[in-house]
Amino acid sequence: MRWEKRGIVWAPSGRSEWARSHAMGPTPVIMGDDVIRVFVSCLDELGRARPGYVDLSASDPTKVLDVCEQPLLDIGEPGAFDDNGLMATCVCRTASGQLFMYYAGFELCTHIRYRIFTGVAISVDGGVSFHRYSKAPVLDRSDEELYFRCGPFVMFDDGVFKLWYIAGSDWVTIGGKAMPKYELRYQESTDGVHWRPSGTVSMAITGEDEHGFGRPWVIKRGPEDYRLFYSIRRRSCAAYRLGYAESTDGVRWIRKDEEMGLDVEPGGFDSSAMMYSAVISVRGRTYCFYNGNNFGQDGFGVAELIS
């Protein structure tokens, strides 16, 4: 794949209390013929994330049409799994037309640095507003997936909800700092909110340089043609890089990272890291939204597929 980077699309101005900095995890959804709505999560002055959205022109996704003034969800109440912030990673349209927003909730801990589990919020008005399905996570801790059940991507397909997510129960020390270790897993649900305690390992960590994957993004192009865009957390660069894989069933993947064709660029907002790729096609063109250095500190960018 060959991509042409189009630069930074949007970053918060810093004037809003809930959006002082960052635009993390760009999550595009096509809204009608003319609008791409990109859900992003911004940080307040304490570093806590809340999701909002930016509307872009479908004919030119570098053109901003509208920005929400208030967050779609506030942080959880004290003691909840998302009391230190929440990051939207997927918005799934159901058969009834509702939108399910899946998000990662961050909880600070004492004996480990943090835990991350998955919640879901529902919109019945086309994405104008969302309400939590529950205060508790829909992907909570389990014996097999103890600390991390997060980064969810959900697709309603073949009459079921298909979930790809990040799961793990270990920490490793890298450069004197404790870092999470997790792999890609898969499972299915009939309603999108009730899931099994553990999933099938869909992609395991390989090699000594990897210790985790970032938010998966799956495209189904045919009955036996699945494409996976994801992030690879590497020890050597202490940051994420983008990866790519293909599958005939959406469960077992053949990694083709060298074919992704998008990498860091000296002097740019993505000079040291790239992560959270999200790929959509609209009006005959294909775009990849992504974050650069420091998890979207400078905003989110977009690249267009050339060949």
C-alpha atoms as a PDB file:
ATOM      1  CA  MET A   1       0.000   0.000   0.000  1.00  0.00           C
ATOM      2  CA  ARG A   2       1.125   3.522  -0.786  1.00  0.00           C
ATOM      3  CA  TRP A   3      -0.278   6.405   1.218  1.00  0.00           C
ATOM      4  CA  GLU A   4      -0.044  10.161   0.899  1.00  0.00           C
ATOM      5  CA  LYS A   5      -0.014  11.908   4.252  1.00  0.00           C
ATOM      6  CA  ARG A   6      -2.367  14.880   4.401  1.00  0.00           C
ATOM      7  CA  GLY A   7      -1.148  16.180   7.768  1.00  0.00           C
ATOM      8  CA  ILE A   8      -2.914  17.020  11.012  1.00  0.00           C
ATOM      9  CA  VAL A   9      -6.687  17.312  10.677  1.00  0.00           C
ATOM     10  CA  TRP A  10      -7.686  18.617  14.088  1.00  0.00           C
ATOM     11  CA  ALA A  11      -6.418  19.275  17.599  1.00  0.00           C
ATOM     12  CA  PRO A  12      -8.261  20.882  20.517  1.00  0.00           C
ATOM     13  CA  SER A  13      -7.715  24.589  21.052  1.00  0.00           C
ATOM     14  CA  GLY A  14      -7.171  24.064  24.774  1.00  0.00           C
ATOM     15  CA  ARG A  15      -9.944  26.470  25.729  1.00  0.00           C
ATOM     16  CA  SER A  16     -12.375  23.801  26.945  1.00  0.00           C
ATOM     17  CA  GLU A  17     -11.814  22.328  30.385  1.00  0.00           C
ATOM     18  CA  TRP A  18     -12.522  18.801  29.161  1.00  0.00           C
ATOM     19  CA  ALA A  19     -10.293  19.148  26.065  1.00  0.00           C
ATOM     20  CA  ARG A  20      -7.065  20.874  27.031  1.00  0.00           C
ATOM     21  CA  SER A  21      -4.924  18.647  24.821  1.00  0.00           C
ATOM     22  CA  HIS A  22      -4.708  15.522  22.643  1.00  0.00           C
ATOM     23  CA  ALA A  23      -7.141  13.989  20.151  1.00  0.00           C
ATOM     24  CA  MET A  24      -6.714  10.271  20.801  1.00  0.00           C
ATOM     25  CA  GLY A  25      -7.999   7.219  18.984  1.00  0.00           C
ATOM     26  CA  PRO A  26      -9.655   8.726  15.884  1.00  0.00           C
ATOM     27  CA  THR A  27     -12.732   6.605  15.157  1.00  0.00           C
ATOM     28  CA  PRO A  28     -14.419   7.540  11.854  1.00  0.00           C
ATOM     29  CA  VAL A  29     -18.061   6.791  11.057  1.00  0.00           C
ATOM     30  CA  ILE A  30     -19.769   7.768   7.805  1.00  0.00           C
ATOM     31  CA  MET A  31     -22.817   9.897   8.585  1.00  0.00           C
ATOM     32  CA  GLY A  32     -24.858  10.265   5.406  1.00  0.00           C
ATOM     33  CA  ASP A  33     -23.402  11.248   2.048  1.00  0.00           C
ATOM     34  CA  ASP A  34     -21.443  14.313   3.066  1.00  0.00           C
ATOM     35  CA  VAL A  35     -20.046  13.851   6.568  1.00  0.00           C
ATOM     36  CA  ILE A  36     -17.410  11.716   8.236  1.00  0.00           C
ATOM     37  CA  ARG A  37     -17.818  11.916  11.993  1.00  0.00           C
ATOM     38  CA  VAL A  38     -14.554  11.194  13.791  1.00  0.00           C
ATOM     39  CA  PHE A  39     -14.948  10.342  17.452  1.00  0.00           C
ATOM     40  CA  VAL A  40     -11.861  11.339  19.455  1.00  0.00           C
ATOM     41  CA  SER A  41     -10.947  11.506  23.117  1.00  0.00           C
ATOM     42  CA  CYS A  42      -9.335  14.616  24.585  1.00  0.00           C
ATOM     43  CA  LEU A  43      -7.528  15.143  27.882  1.00  0.00           C
ATOM     44  CA  ASP A  44      -8.325  17.577  30.662  1.00  0.00           C
ATOM     45  CA  GLU A  45      -5.629  19.292  32.741  1.00  0.00           C
ATOM     46  CA  LEU A  46      -5.323  16.151  34.919  1.00  0.00           C
ATOM     47  CA  GLY A  47      -4.774  13.907  31.914  1.00  0.00           C
ATOM     48  CA  ARG A  48      -8.213  12.280  32.019  1.00  0.00           C
ATOM     49  CA  ALA A  49      -9.842  11.459  28.692  1.00  0.00           C
ATOM     50  CA  ARG A  50     -13.400  12.114  27.568  1.00  0.00           C
ATOM     51  CA  PRO A  51     -14.831  11.386  24.088  1.00  0.00           C
ATOM     52  CA  GLY A  52     -16.181  13.966  21.675  1.00  0.00           C
ATOM     53  CA  TYR A  53     -16.406  14.222  17.906  1.00  0.00           C
ATOM     54  CA  VAL A  54     -15.251  16.234  14.908  1.00  0.00           C
ATOM     55  CA  ASP A  55     -17.308  16.309  11.685  1.00  0.00           C
ATOM     56  CA  LEU A  56     -15.311  16.327   8.447  1.00  0.00           C
ATOM     57  CA  SER A  57     -16.243  16.759   4.815  1.00  0.00           C
ATOM     58  CA  ALA A  58     -16.603  13.398   3.049  1.00  0.00           C
ATOM     59  CA  SER A  59     -15.160  14.963  -0.101  1.00  0.00           C
ATOM     60  CA  ASP A  60     -12.162  16.433   1.756  1.00  0.00           C
ATOM     61  CA  PRO A  61     -11.472  14.881   5.181  1.00  0.00           C
ATOM     62  CA  THR A  62      -9.009  17.634   6.047  1.00  0.00           C
ATOM     63  CA  LYS A  63     -11.906  20.117   6.109  1.00  0.00           C
ATOM     64  CA  VAL A  64     -13.564  20.461   9.526  1.00  0.00           C
ATOM     65  CA  LEU A  65     -17.311  21.138   9.423  1.00  0.00           C
ATOM     66  CA  ASP A  66     -18.223  20.987  13.101  1.00  0.00           C
ATOM     67  CA  VAL A  67     -16.812  20.187  16.537  1.00  0.00           C
ATOM     68  CA  CYS A  68     -18.857  19.123  19.545  1.00  0.00           C
ATOM     69  CA  GLU A  69     -18.803  21.628  22.386  1.00  0.00           C
ATOM     70  CA  GLN A  70     -19.272  19.167  25.257  1.00  0.00           C
ATOM     71  CA  PRO A  71     -18.003  15.617  25.835  1.00  0.00           C
ATOM     72  CA  LEU A  72     -20.312  12.778  24.886  1.00  0.00           C
ATOM     73  CA  LEU A  73     -19.592  11.053  28.216  1.00  0.00           C
ATOM     74  CA  ASP A  74     -18.083  12.255  31.463  1.00  0.00           C
ATOM     75  CA  ILE A  75     -15.558  10.267  33.472  1.00  0.00           C
ATOM     76  CA  GLY A  76     -16.964   7.619  35.796  1.00  0.00           C
ATOM     77  CA  GLU A  77     -17.867   8.209  39.404  1.00  0.00           C
ATOM     78  CA  PRO A  78     -15.122   7.652  42.025  1.00  0.00           C
ATOM     79  CA  GLY A  79     -14.259   3.963  42.297  1.00  0.00           C
ATOM     80  CA  ALA A  80     -15.663   3.072  38.884  1.00  0.00           C
ATOM     81  CA  PHE A  81     -13.547   1.359  36.236  1.00  0.00           C
ATOM     82  CA  ASP A  82     -13.472   4.580  34.181  1.00  0.00           C
ATOM     83  CA  ASP A  83     -12.942   7.116  36.951  1.00  0.00           C
ATOM     84  CA  ASN A  84      -9.592   8.180  35.493  1.00  0.00           C
ATOM     85  CA  GLY A  85     -10.820   8.664  31.939  1.00  0.00           C
ATOM     86  CA  LEU A  86     -12.373   6.867  28.993  1.00  0.00           C
ATOM     87  CA  MET A  87     -11.296   6.565  25.396  1.00  0.00           C
ATOM     88  CA  ALA A  88     -13.696   5.682  22.584  1.00  0.00           C
ATOM     89  CA  THR A  89     -12.224   3.077  20.211  1.00  0.00           C
ATOM     90  CA  CYS A  90     -15.190   1.897  18.120  1.00  0.00           C
ATOM     91  CA  VAL A  91     -18.703   2.982  17.159  1.00  0.00           C
ATOM     92  CA  CYS A  92     -20.830   0.124  15.814  1.00  0.00           C
ATOM     93  CA  ARG A  93     -24.165   0.555  14.049  1.00  0.00           C
ATOM     94  CA  THR A  94     -26.655  -2.151  15.091  1.00  0.00           C
ATOM     95  CA  ALA A  95     -29.425  -3.768  13.057  1.00  0.00           C
ATOM     96  CA  SER A  96     -31.969  -1.481  14.763  1.00  0.00           C
ATOM     97  CA  GLY A  97     -30.004   1.647  13.858  1.00  0.00           C
ATOM     98  CA  GLN A  98     -28.649   2.341  17.324  1.00  0.00           C
ATOM     99  CA  LEU A  99     -25.001   3.269  17.733  1.00  0.00           C
ATOM    100  CA  PHE A 100     -22.930   1.360  20.284  1.00  0.00           C
ATOM    101  CA  MET A 101     -19.838   3.250  21.385  1.00  0.00           C
ATOM    102  CA  TYR A 102     -17.237   0.924  22.882  1.00  0.00           C
ATOM    103  CA  TYR A 103     -14.649   2.587  25.060  1.00  0.00           C
ATOM    104  CA  ALA A 104     -11.655   1.789  27.247  1.00  0.00           C
ATOM    105  CA  GLY A 105     -11.985   2.870  30.882  1.00  0.00           C
ATOM    106  CA  PHE A 106      -8.831   3.725  32.838  1.00  0.00           C
ATOM    107  CA  GLU A 107      -8.429   2.949  36.528  1.00  0.00           C
ATOM    108  CA  LEU A 108      -5.314   3.860  38.510  1.00  0.00           C
ATOM    109  CA  CYS A 109      -3.996   1.208  40.901  1.00  0.00           C
ATOM    110  CA  THR A 110      -1.552   0.838  43.775  1.00  0.00           C
ATOM    111  CA  HIS A 111       0.396  -2.367  43.154  1.00  0.00           C
ATOM    112  CA  ILE A 112       0.276  -2.074  39.376  1.00  0.00           C
ATOM    113  CA  ARG A 113       0.148   1.188  37.424  1.00  0.00           C
ATOM    114  CA  TYR A 114      -3.376   0.819  36.023  1.00  0.00           C
ATOM    115  CA  ARG A 115      -6.098  -1.457  34.687  1.00  0.00           C
ATOM    116  CA  ILE A 116      -8.132  -0.965  31.518  1.00  0.00           C
ATOM    117  CA  PHE A 117     -11.525  -2.556  30.876  1.00  0.00           C
ATOM    118  CA  THR A 118     -14.259  -1.978  28.298  1.00  0.00           C
ATOM    119  CA  GLY A 119     -17.572  -0.181  28.600  1.00  0.00           C
ATOM    120  CA  VAL A 120     -20.309   0.564  26.100  1.00  0.00           C
ATOM    121  CA  ALA A 121     -22.559   3.590  25.626  1.00  0.00           C
ATOM    122  CA  ILE A 122     -25.646   3.684  23.411  1.00  0.00           C
ATOM    123  CA  SER A 123     -27.048   6.391  21.138  1.00  0.00           C
ATOM    124  CA  VAL A 124     -30.656   6.338  19.918  1.00  0.00           C
ATOM    125  CA  ASP A 125     -30.480   9.741  18.207  1.00  0.00           C
ATOM    126  CA  GLY A 126     -27.882   9.073  15.529  1.00  0.00           C
ATOM    127  CA  GLY A 127     -24.820   9.900  17.598  1.00  0.00           C
ATOM    128  CA  VAL A 128     -25.909  13.261  19.015  1.00  0.00           C
ATOM    129  CA  SER A 129     -25.865  11.873  22.565  1.00  0.00           C
ATOM    130  CA  PHE A 130     -24.881   8.650  24.332  1.00  0.00           C
ATOM    131  CA  HIS A 131     -25.802   7.016  27.631  1.00  0.00           C
ATOM    132  CA  ARG A 132     -23.863   4.321  29.457  1.00  0.00           C
ATOM    133  CA  TYR A 133     -25.252   0.808  29.186  1.00  0.00           C
ATOM    134  CA  SER A 134     -24.006   0.260  32.732  1.00  0.00           C
ATOM    135  CA  LYS A 135     -21.594   1.720  35.245  1.00  0.00           C
ATOM    136  CA  ALA A 136     -19.716  -1.581  35.246  1.00  0.00           C
ATOM    137  CA  PRO A 137     -17.614  -2.729  32.286  1.00  0.00           C
ATOM    138  CA  VAL A 138     -19.054  -5.131  29.727  1.00  0.00           C
ATOM    139  CA  LEU A 139     -15.567  -6.638  29.479  1.00  0.00           C
ATOM    140  CA  ASP A 140     -14.569  -6.969  33.127  1.00  0.00           C
ATOM    141  CA  ARG A 141     -11.574  -8.743  34.625  1.00  0.00           C
ATOM    142  CA  SER A 142     -11.428 -12.522  34.540  1.00  0.00           C
ATOM    143  CA  ASP A 143      -8.929 -15.187  35.573  1.00  0.00           C
ATOM    144  CA  GLU A 144      -7.682 -15.472  31.995  1.00  0.00           C
ATOM    145  CA  GLU A 145      -7.681 -11.724  31.219  1.00  0.00           C
ATOM    146  CA  LEU A 146      -6.876 -10.089  34.519  1.00  0.00           C
ATOM    147  CA  TYR A 147      -5.632  -6.535  33.929  1.00  0.00           C
ATOM    148  CA  PHE A 148      -6.491  -5.589  30.351  1.00  0.00           C
ATOM    149  CA  ARG A 149      -9.637  -6.211  28.300  1.00  0.00           C
ATOM    150  CA  CYS A 150      -9.640  -3.126  26.148  1.00  0.00           C
ATOM    151  CA  GLY A 151      -9.039  -1.509  22.762  1.00  0.00           C
ATOM    152  CA  PRO A 152     -12.281  -3.024  21.440  1.00  0.00           C
ATOM    153  CA  PHE A 153     -13.342  -3.040  17.801  1.00  0.00           C
ATOM    154  CA  VAL A 154     -16.827  -4.440  17.168  1.00  0.00           C
ATOM    155  CA  MET A 155     -18.486  -5.294  13.863  1.00  0.00           C
ATOM    156  CA  PHE A 156     -22.132  -6.380  13.520  1.00  0.00           C
ATOM    157  CA  ASP A 157     -21.857  -9.055  10.854  1.00  0.00           C
ATOM    158  CA  ASP A 158     -23.670 -12.272   9.910  1.00  0.00           C
ATOM    159  CA  GLY A 159     -26.255 -11.573  12.612  1.00  0.00           C
ATOM    160  CA  VAL A 160     -23.749 -11.418  15.492  1.00  0.00           C
ATOM    161  CA  PHE A 161     -21.448  -8.896  17.116  1.00  0.00           C
ATOM    162  CA  LYS A 162     -17.822  -9.754  16.365  1.00  0.00           C
ATOM    163  CA  LEU A 163     -15.251  -8.402  18.792  1.00  0.00           C
ATOM    164  CA  TRP A 164     -11.510  -7.976  18.395  1.00  0.00           C
ATOM    165  CA  TYR A 165      -9.811  -6.634  21.516  1.00  0.00           C
ATOM    166  CA  ILE A 166      -6.617  -6.471  23.542  1.00  0.00           C
ATOM    167  CA  ALA A 167      -6.221  -8.729  26.573  1.00  0.00           C
ATOM    168  CA  GLY A 168      -3.487  -9.553  29.041  1.00  0.00           C
ATOM    169  CA  SER A 169      -2.525 -10.411  32.615  1.00  0.00           C
ATOM    170  CA  ASP A 170       1.148  -9.455  32.734  1.00  0.00           C
ATOM    171  CA  TRP A 171       3.548  -6.563  33.121  1.00  0.00           C
ATOM    172  CA  VAL A 172       7.147  -6.415  31.916  1.00  0.00           C
ATOM    173  CA  THR A 173       9.953  -4.053  32.878  1.00  0.00           C
ATOM    174  CA  ILE A 174      11.354  -2.044  29.978  1.00  0.00           C
ATOM    175  CA  GLY A 175      13.995   0.584  30.592  1.00  0.00           C
ATOM    176  CA  GLY A 176      13.282   0.433  34.308  1.00  0.00           C
ATOM    177  CA  LYS A 177       9.551   1.085  33.806  1.00  0.00           C
ATOM    178  CA  ALA A 178       6.670  -1.360  34.204  1.00  0.00           C
ATOM    179  CA  MET A 179       4.834  -1.757  30.887  1.00  0.00           C
ATOM    180  CA  PRO A 180       1.729  -3.815  30.036  1.00  0.00           C
ATOM    181  CA  LYS A 181       1.890  -7.001  27.981  1.00  0.00           C
ATOM    182  CA  TYR A 182      -1.149  -8.001  25.925  1.00  0.00           C
ATOM    183  CA  GLU A 183      -2.222  -9.752  22.715  1.00  0.00           C
ATOM    184  CA  LEU A 184      -5.138  -9.696  20.268  1.00  0.00           C
ATOM    185  CA  ARG A 185      -8.188 -11.845  21.067  1.00  0.00           C
ATOM    186  CA  TYR A 186     -11.562 -12.509  19.455  1.00  0.00           C
ATOM    187  CA  GLN A 187     -15.078 -13.523  20.460  1.00  0.00           C
ATOM    188  CA  GLU A 188     -18.739 -13.119  19.465  1.00  0.00           C
ATOM    189  CA  SER A 189     -21.963 -11.982  21.138  1.00  0.00           C
ATOM    190  CA  THR A 190     -25.633 -12.015  20.208  1.00  0.00           C
ATOM    191  CA  ASP A 191     -26.413  -8.618  21.772  1.00  0.00           C
ATOM    192  CA  GLY A 192     -23.101  -6.737  21.866  1.00  0.00           C
ATOM    193  CA  VAL A 193     -23.067  -6.279  25.634  1.00  0.00           C
ATOM    194  CA  HIS A 194     -22.730  -9.794  27.056  1.00  0.00           C
ATOM    195  CA  TRP A 195     -19.389 -11.487  26.396  1.00  0.00           C
ATOM    196  CA  ARG A 196     -17.500 -14.556  27.571  1.00  0.00           C
ATOM    197  CA  PRO A 197     -14.847 -14.311  30.327  1.00  0.00           C
ATOM    198  CA  SER A 198     -12.102 -14.908  27.765  1.00  0.00           C
ATOM    199  CA  GLY A 199     -11.648 -14.944  24.020  1.00  0.00           C
ATOM    200  CA  THR A 200      -9.718 -16.897  21.429  1.00  0.00           C
ATOM    201  CA  VAL A 201      -6.140 -15.794  20.877  1.00  0.00           C
ATOM    202  CA  SER A 202      -6.293 -14.171  17.447  1.00  0.00           C
ATOM    203  CA  MET A 203      -2.761 -12.788  17.203  1.00  0.00           C
ATOM    204  CA  ALA A 204      -0.002 -13.556  19.677  1.00  0.00           C
ATOM    205  CA  ILE A 205       3.020 -11.412  20.415  1.00  0.00           C
ATOM    206  CA  THR A 206       6.031 -12.594  18.414  1.00  0.00           C
ATOM    207  CA  GLY A 207       9.701 -11.832  18.871  1.00  0.00           C
ATOM    208  CA  GLU A 208      11.539 -10.204  21.740  1.00  0.00           C
ATOM    209  CA  ASP A 209      10.868  -6.651  20.553  1.00  0.00           C
ATOM    210  CA  GLU A 210       7.059  -6.695  20.905  1.00  0.00           C
ATOM    211  CA  HIS A 211       5.109  -6.429  24.122  1.00  0.00           C
ATOM    212  CA  GLY A 212       1.662  -5.333  23.012  1.00  0.00           C
ATOM    213  CA  PHE A 213      -0.803  -4.351  20.311  1.00  0.00           C
ATOM    214  CA  GLY A 214      -2.955  -1.243  20.013  1.00  0.00           C
ATOM    215  CA  ARG A 215      -6.591  -0.768  19.003  1.00  0.00           C
ATOM    216  CA  PRO A 216      -7.446  -3.154  16.125  1.00  0.00           C
ATOM    217  CA  TRP A 217      -9.484  -1.951  13.145  1.00  0.00           C
ATOM    218  CA  VAL A 218     -11.054  -4.622  10.930  1.00  0.00           C
ATOM    219  CA  ILE A 219     -12.469  -4.336   7.419  1.00  0.00           C
ATOM    220  CA  LYS A 220     -14.433  -7.148   5.797  1.00  0.00           C
ATOM    221  CA  ARG A 221     -14.238  -7.039   2.019  1.00  0.00           C
ATOM    222  CA  GLY A 222     -15.810 -10.435   1.301  1.00  0.00           C
ATOM    223  CA  PRO A 223     -16.861 -13.725   2.963  1.00  0.00           C
ATOM    224  CA  GLU A 224     -13.213 -14.804   3.231  1.00  0.00           C
ATOM    225  CA  ASP A 225     -11.431 -11.467   3.034  1.00  0.00           C
ATOM    226  CA  TYR A 226     -10.700  -9.650   6.290  1.00  0.00           C
ATOM    227  CA  ARG A 227      -8.133  -6.850   6.656  1.00  0.00           C
ATOM    228  CA  LEU A 228      -6.665  -5.835  10.014  1.00  0.00           C
ATOM    229  CA  PHE A 229      -5.031  -2.496  10.793  1.00  0.00           C
ATOM    230  CA  TYR A 230      -3.452  -2.294  14.230  1.00  0.00           C
ATOM    231  CA  SER A 231      -0.591  -0.879  16.286  1.00  0.00           C
ATOM    232  CA  ILE A 232       2.507  -2.701  17.484  1.00  0.00           C
ATOM    233  CA  ARG A 233       4.143  -1.665  20.742  1.00  0.00           C
ATOM    234  CA  ARG A 234       7.898  -2.212  20.462  1.00  0.00           C
ATOM    235  CA  ARG A 235      10.638  -2.165  23.086  1.00  0.00           C
ATOM    236  CA  SER A 236      13.324  -0.864  20.732  1.00  0.00           C
ATOM    237  CA  CYS A 237      11.555   2.400  19.949  1.00  0.00           C
ATOM    238  CA  ALA A 238       9.509   2.652  23.169  1.00  0.00           C
ATOM    239  CA  ALA A 239       6.499   3.536  21.041  1.00  0.00           C
ATOM    240  CA  TYR A 240       3.878   2.218  18.637  1.00  0.00           C
ATOM    241  CA  ARG A 241       4.246   1.548  14.930  1.00  0.00           C
ATOM    242  CA  LEU A 242       1.484   0.560  12.498  1.00  0.00           C
ATOM    243  CA  GLY A 243       0.858  -3.025  11.417  1.00  0.00           C
ATOM    244  CA  TYR A 244      -1.294  -4.823   8.866  1.00  0.00           C
ATOM    245  CA  ALA A 245      -2.608  -8.388   8.525  1.00  0.00           C
ATOM    246  CA  GLU A 246      -5.032 -10.453   6.421  1.00  0.00           C
ATOM    247  CA  SER A 247      -7.370 -13.336   7.248  1.00  0.00           C
ATOM    248  CA  THR A 248      -9.907 -15.637   5.617  1.00  0.00           C
ATOM    249  CA  ASP A 249     -12.020 -16.021   8.761  1.00  0.00           C
ATOM    250  CA  GLY A 250     -11.283 -12.919  10.850  1.00  0.00           C
ATOM    251  CA  VAL A 251      -9.793 -15.018  13.637  1.00  0.00           C
ATOM    252  CA  ARG A 252      -6.425 -16.326  12.419  1.00  0.00           C
ATOM    253  CA  TRP A 253      -4.259 -13.639  10.841  1.00  0.00           C
ATOM    254  CA  ILE A 254      -1.307 -13.610   8.474  1.00  0.00           C
ATOM    255  CA  ARG A 255       0.850 -10.653   9.374  1.00  0.00           C
ATOM    256  CA  LYS A 256       1.998  -8.458   6.501  1.00  0.00           C
ATOM    257  CA  ASP A 257       3.320  -5.486   8.450  1.00  0.00           C
ATOM    258  CA  GLU A 258       5.779  -4.571   5.702  1.00  0.00           C
ATOM    259  CA  GLU A 259       2.837  -3.898   3.356  1.00  0.00           C
ATOM    260  CA  MET A 260       1.260  -1.231   5.587  1.00  0.00           C
ATOM    261  CA  GLY A 261       3.260   1.524   3.946  1.00  0.00           C
ATOM    262  CA  LEU A 262       2.826   4.162   6.667  1.00  0.00           C
ATOM    263  CA  ASP A 263       5.688   4.957   9.017  1.00  0.00           C
ATOM    264  CA  VAL A 264       7.149   7.743  11.131  1.00  0.00           C
ATOM    265  CA  GLU A 265       8.495  10.838   9.405  1.00  0.00           C
ATOM    266  CA  PRO A 266      11.327  13.030  10.746  1.00  0.00           C
ATOM    267  CA  GLY A 267      10.216  16.490  11.734  1.00  0.00           C
ATOM    268  CA  GLY A 268       6.516  15.699  11.671  1.00  0.00           C
ATOM    269  CA  PHE A 269       3.865  15.248  14.337  1.00  0.00           C
ATOM    270  CA  ASP A 270       4.479  11.517  13.766  1.00  0.00           C
ATOM    271  CA  SER A 271       8.285  11.633  13.984  1.00  0.00           C
ATOM    272  CA  SER A 272       8.626   9.054  16.768  1.00  0.00           C
ATOM    273  CA  ALA A 273       5.342   7.135  16.903  1.00  0.00           C
ATOM    274  CA  MET A 274       2.259   6.152  14.910  1.00  0.00           C
ATOM    275  CA  MET A 275      -0.788   4.420  16.367  1.00  0.00           C
ATOM    276  CA  TYR A 276      -4.551   3.832  16.358  1.00  0.00           C
ATOM    277  CA  SER A 277      -4.996   3.525  12.588  1.00  0.00           C
ATOM    278  CA  ALA A 278      -8.616   3.566  11.376  1.00  0.00           C
ATOM    279  CA  VAL A 279      -9.321   2.999   7.687  1.00  0.00           C
ATOM    280  CA  ILE A 280     -12.521   3.863   5.802  1.00  0.00           C
ATOM    281  CA  SER A 281     -13.543   4.226   2.165  1.00  0.00           C
ATOM    282  CA  VAL A 282     -15.885   6.995   1.048  1.00  0.00           C
ATOM    283  CA  ARG A 283     -16.697   8.458  -2.352  1.00  0.00           C
ATOM    284  CA  GLY A 284     -14.299   6.075  -4.055  1.00  0.00           C
ATOM    285  CA  ARG A 285     -11.325   7.028  -1.894  1.00  0.00           C
ATOM    286  CA  THR A 286      -9.703   5.312   1.094  1.00  0.00           C
ATOM    287  CA  TYR A 287      -8.358   7.171   4.105  1.00  0.00           C
ATOM    288  CA  CYS A 288      -6.389   6.200   7.200  1.00  0.00           C
ATOM    289  CA  PHE A 289      -6.885   8.305  10.320  1.00  0.00           C
ATOM    290  CA  TYR A 290      -4.215   7.930  12.977  1.00  0.00           C
ATOM    291  CA  ASN A 291      -2.324   9.457  15.907  1.00  0.00           C
ATOM    292  CA  GLY A 292       1.332  10.421  16.037  1.00  0.00           C
ATOM    293  CA  ASN A 293       3.714  11.255  18.861  1.00  0.00           C
ATOM    294  CA  ASN A 294       2.651  10.841  22.468  1.00  0.00           C
ATOM    295  CA  PHE A 295      -0.762   9.304  21.771  1.00  0.00           C
ATOM    296  CA  GLY A 296      -2.163  12.195  19.763  1.00  0.00           C
ATOM    297  CA  GLN A 297      -0.681  15.123  21.663  1.00  0.00           C
ATOM    298  CA  ASP A 298      -0.688  17.231  18.492  1.00  0.00           C
ATOM    299  CA  GLY A 299      -4.055  15.993  17.254  1.00  0.00           C
ATOM    300  CA  PHE A 300      -5.004  13.345  14.709  1.00  0.00           C
ATOM    301  CA  GLY A 301      -3.917  13.090  11.098  1.00  0.00           C
ATOM    302  CA  VAL A 302      -5.092  11.456   7.885  1.00  0.00           C
ATOM    303  CA  ALA A 303      -3.428   9.781   4.918  1.00  0.00           C
ATOM    304  CA  GLU A 304      -4.994   8.888   1.576  1.00  0.00           C
ATOM    305  CA  LEU A 305      -4.407   5.559  -0.163  1.00  0.00           C
ATOM    306  CA  ILE A 306      -2.718   6.159  -3.518  1.00  0.00           C
ATOM    307  CA  SER A 307      -2.176   2.577  -4.660  1.00  0.00           C
END
